[in-house]
Amino acid sequence: MSELGRVGILISGRGSNMVSLVEGMRAGEIRAEPAVVISNEPAAAGLQKAAEFGVPTEVISHKKIKPRKEHERHVIEALHKHRADLVCLAGYMRLLSPLMVQEFRNRIFNIHPSLLPAFPGLDVQQKALDYGVKFSGCTVHIVDEECDHGPIIRQAAVPILEGDTADSLAARILEQEHRIYKEAVALYFEGRLRVEGRVVHIDEARPE
């Protein structure tokens, strides 16, 4: 059996998508193993969850290392130390600079709780409700130098129901986030993704 790929996961909070990815790797749904979970927030609840899985963790506080590029140099160093092949942002509340993007070009994935390019940024469920759209959802995309902008790998639509609140909508979207993030990472490690400009092509033939 070939050596498994390695995933570095960046979090800032509870890390529910991190947990889903680690569970997917441990269950064999993704041909990879978790290399490290890194948080910029020392109190992030996801750090304890990662430790319970036996995944190495590191805290690299952006409050102690204030210049963005200097902070990212430490994050990059940690990812290389743990031999991460792919970087997954899982509720990582930091915009990445070109330094980080260039270091892992086309190897940083993010999950965003809207159907991009609609509603990038923060508070997206409330924006969807305020705008009166009939569907929201989530997007897995490759990270580039702009916020919530890079090539799209997977999306899932979630209908907005009468009486929805930002919290109730977010909870239904989160279920789909867990599903499509695992699918996207699995496709990467199966070698089934090809990027051409803004378009991600997916090879539908599953490898043996």
Protein backbone atom coordinates (compact mmCIF):
# COMPACT_ATOMS: atom_id res chain seq x y z
CA MET A 1 0.00 0.00 0.00
CA SER A 2 1.33 3.44 -0.92
CA GLU A 3 2.18 5.89 1.83
CA LEU A 4 -0.79 7.95 2.97
CA GLY A 5 -0.93 11.66 2.30
CA ARG A 6 -0.76 14.07 5.22
CA VAL A 7 -3.20 16.86 6.07
CA GLY A 8 -2.44 19.94 8.16
CA ILE A 9 -5.63 21.46 9.57
CA LEU A 10 -5.89 25.08 10.74
CA ILE A 11 -8.59 26.06 13.24
CA SER A 12 -9.59 28.98 15.43
CA GLY A 13 -12.53 27.57 17.38
CA ARG A 14 -14.47 24.38 18.02
CA GLY A 15 -13.17 22.61 14.92
CA SER A 16 -16.25 20.65 13.87
CA ASN A 17 -15.02 20.38 10.28
CA MET A 18 -11.62 19.32 11.61
CA VAL A 19 -13.30 16.52 13.58
CA SER A 20 -15.25 15.43 10.49
CA LEU A 21 -12.07 15.34 8.38
CA VAL A 22 -10.12 13.38 10.98
CA GLU A 23 -12.98 10.90 11.34
CA GLY A 24 -13.08 10.54 7.55
CA MET A 25 -9.36 9.83 7.42
CA ARG A 26 -9.50 7.34 10.28
CA ALA A 27 -12.47 5.58 8.65
CA GLY A 28 -10.64 5.20 5.35
CA GLU A 29 -12.95 7.55 3.45
CA ILE A 30 -9.92 9.76 2.73
CA ARG A 31 -6.59 8.24 1.72
CA ALA A 32 -4.64 10.44 4.10
CA GLU A 33 -3.79 10.90 7.75
CA PRO A 34 -3.98 14.00 9.95
CA ALA A 35 -0.48 15.47 10.27
CA VAL A 36 -1.14 18.32 12.71
CA VAL A 37 -3.88 20.64 13.94
CA ILE A 38 -2.70 24.24 14.34
CA SER A 39 -4.66 27.00 16.05
CA ASN A 40 -4.03 30.72 16.28
CA GLU A 41 -6.23 30.76 19.40
CA PRO A 42 -4.81 29.05 22.52
CA ALA A 43 -8.33 28.50 23.92
CA ALA A 44 -9.75 26.88 20.77
CA ALA A 45 -11.94 23.94 21.81
CA GLY A 46 -10.83 22.00 18.76
CA LEU A 47 -7.34 21.57 20.20
CA GLN A 48 -8.66 19.26 22.91
CA LYS A 49 -10.69 17.31 20.37
CA ALA A 50 -7.61 16.85 18.19
CA ALA A 51 -5.60 15.67 21.19
CA GLU A 52 -8.30 13.11 22.00
CA PHE A 53 -7.79 11.70 18.47
CA GLY A 54 -4.06 11.52 19.13
CA VAL A 55 -3.34 14.17 16.48
CA PRO A 56 -0.35 16.46 17.16
CA THR A 57 -1.37 20.04 17.94
CA GLU A 58 0.40 23.37 17.91
CA VAL A 59 -0.68 26.83 19.07
CA ILE A 60 0.77 29.74 17.10
CA SER A 61 -0.92 32.81 18.56
CA HIS A 62 -1.37 35.78 16.24
CA LYS A 63 -1.58 37.97 19.35
CA LYS A 64 1.96 37.09 20.39
CA ILE A 65 3.32 37.25 16.84
CA LYS A 66 1.54 40.31 15.49
CA PRO A 67 3.02 40.94 12.01
CA ARG A 68 0.94 38.75 9.66
CA LYS A 69 3.85 37.52 7.57
CA GLU A 70 5.93 36.67 10.62
CA HIS A 71 3.01 34.75 12.10
CA GLU A 72 2.53 32.88 8.83
CA ARG A 73 6.22 32.00 8.64
CA HIS A 74 5.80 30.15 11.93
CA VAL A 75 2.66 28.41 10.62
CA ILE A 76 4.47 27.40 7.42
CA GLU A 77 7.41 26.09 9.44
CA ALA A 78 5.07 23.96 11.56
CA LEU A 79 3.27 22.58 8.51
CA HIS A 80 6.57 21.59 6.91
CA LYS A 81 7.83 20.11 10.17
CA HIS A 82 4.79 17.82 10.23
CA ARG A 83 5.17 17.08 6.49
CA ALA A 84 1.73 18.34 5.47
CA ASP A 85 0.88 17.71 1.82
CA LEU A 86 -2.46 19.54 1.93
CA VAL A 87 -3.62 22.37 4.20
CA CYS A 88 -7.30 22.50 5.22
CA LEU A 89 -8.79 25.61 6.79
CA ALA A 90 -11.53 24.55 9.19
CA GLY A 91 -12.95 27.65 10.80
CA TYR A 92 -9.58 29.42 10.65
CA MET A 93 -10.45 33.06 11.21
CA ARG A 94 -7.38 34.57 9.56
CA LEU A 95 -7.01 35.88 6.03
CA LEU A 96 -3.97 34.31 4.42
CA SER A 97 -1.31 36.49 2.86
CA PRO A 98 0.31 35.79 -0.54
CA LEU A 99 3.26 34.32 1.38
CA MET A 100 1.18 31.39 2.62
CA VAL A 101 -0.78 30.98 -0.60
CA GLN A 102 2.37 30.85 -2.72
CA GLU A 103 4.05 28.35 -0.37
CA PHE A 104 1.16 25.89 -0.82
CA ARG A 105 -0.20 26.93 -4.22
CA ASN A 106 -3.37 24.92 -5.04
CA ARG A 107 -2.81 22.93 -1.83
CA ILE A 108 -4.90 25.01 0.59
CA PHE A 109 -8.61 24.17 0.81
CA ASN A 110 -11.29 26.16 2.61
CA ILE A 111 -14.93 25.50 3.47
CA HIS A 112 -17.25 28.51 3.33
CA PRO A 113 -20.92 28.52 4.44
CA SER A 114 -22.46 30.03 1.31
CA LEU A 115 -22.77 29.26 -2.39
CA LEU A 116 -19.79 31.28 -3.57
CA PRO A 117 -19.40 33.70 -5.22
CA ALA A 118 -22.48 34.82 -3.26
CA PHE A 119 -21.90 36.17 0.25
CA PRO A 120 -18.16 35.95 0.91
CA GLY A 121 -16.80 37.05 4.29
CA LEU A 122 -18.54 36.87 7.66
CA ASP A 123 -22.16 36.62 8.93
CA VAL A 124 -23.19 34.94 5.69
CA GLN A 125 -26.33 33.19 6.96
CA GLN A 126 -27.81 36.47 8.15
CA LYS A 127 -26.86 38.09 4.84
CA ALA A 128 -28.67 35.31 2.97
CA LEU A 129 -31.79 35.80 5.10
CA ASP A 130 -31.66 39.59 4.74
CA TYR A 131 -31.29 39.29 0.98
CA GLY A 132 -34.25 36.93 0.70
CA VAL A 133 -32.53 34.22 -1.33
CA LYS A 134 -34.32 30.87 -1.50
CA PHE A 135 -31.21 28.71 -1.28
CA SER A 136 -27.98 29.01 0.62
CA GLY A 137 -25.39 26.30 1.12
CA CYS A 138 -21.65 25.77 1.31
CA THR A 139 -18.57 25.70 -0.90
CA VAL A 140 -15.20 23.96 -0.77
CA HIS A 141 -12.69 25.99 -2.74
CA ILE A 142 -8.97 26.33 -3.30
CA VAL A 143 -7.55 29.34 -1.49
CA ASP A 144 -5.99 32.10 -3.54
CA GLU A 145 -4.86 35.63 -2.68
CA GLU A 146 -8.42 37.00 -2.39
CA CYS A 147 -10.99 36.33 0.33
CA ASP A 148 -13.35 33.40 -0.42
CA HIS A 149 -12.46 33.65 -4.08
CA GLY A 150 -10.46 30.66 -5.37
CA PRO A 151 -11.50 27.84 -7.72
CA ILE A 152 -14.55 25.88 -6.55
CA ILE A 153 -14.26 22.12 -5.93
CA ARG A 154 -17.58 21.13 -4.35
CA GLN A 155 -20.85 22.87 -3.45
CA ALA A 156 -24.07 21.85 -1.71
CA ALA A 157 -27.34 23.78 -1.80
CA VAL A 158 -29.50 24.11 1.31
CA PRO A 159 -33.06 25.50 1.01
CA ILE A 160 -34.01 28.41 3.23
CA LEU A 161 -37.19 27.61 5.13
CA GLU A 162 -39.93 29.88 6.37
CA GLY A 163 -39.02 31.01 9.88
CA ASP A 164 -35.31 30.19 9.54
CA THR A 165 -32.89 32.06 11.74
CA ALA A 166 -29.19 32.47 11.11
CA ASP A 167 -28.57 29.72 13.68
CA SER A 168 -31.06 27.21 12.28
CA LEU A 169 -29.80 27.78 8.74
CA ALA A 170 -26.17 27.47 9.87
CA ALA A 171 -26.91 24.14 11.56
CA ARG A 172 -28.35 22.63 8.36
CA ILE A 173 -25.51 24.02 6.27
CA LEU A 174 -22.95 22.55 8.67
CA GLU A 175 -24.23 19.03 7.98
CA GLN A 176 -23.47 19.56 4.29
CA GLU A 177 -20.10 21.17 5.06
CA HIS A 178 -18.95 17.97 6.76
CA ARG A 179 -20.02 15.89 3.77
CA ILE A 180 -18.56 17.91 0.91
CA TYR A 181 -15.30 18.80 2.68
CA LYS A 182 -14.51 15.11 3.09
CA GLU A 183 -15.44 14.50 -0.55
CA ALA A 184 -13.14 17.29 -1.78
CA VAL A 185 -10.16 16.13 0.28
CA ALA A 186 -10.74 12.53 -0.81
CA LEU A 187 -10.73 13.62 -4.46
CA TYR A 188 -7.43 15.43 -3.96
CA PHE A 189 -5.67 12.39 -2.52
CA GLU A 190 -7.15 10.16 -5.22
CA GLY A 191 -5.50 12.43 -7.80
CA ARG A 192 -8.84 13.28 -9.38
CA LEU A 193 -8.64 17.10 -9.34
CA ARG A 194 -7.20 19.21 -12.16
CA VAL A 195 -7.16 23.01 -11.99
CA GLU A 196 -7.36 25.13 -15.14
CA GLY A 197 -7.67 28.83 -14.34
CA ARG A 198 -10.78 29.23 -12.20
CA VAL A 199 -12.19 25.81 -13.12
CA VAL A 200 -11.58 22.60 -11.19
CA HIS A 201 -12.09 19.51 -13.35
CA ILE A 202 -12.92 16.25 -11.58
CA ASP A 203 -11.98 12.87 -13.01
CA GLU A 204 -15.06 10.76 -12.48
CA ALA A 205 -13.13 7.47 -12.82
CA ARG A 206 -12.29 6.16 -9.37
CA PRO A 207 -8.77 4.75 -8.99
CA GLU A 208 -8.41 1.06 -8.15
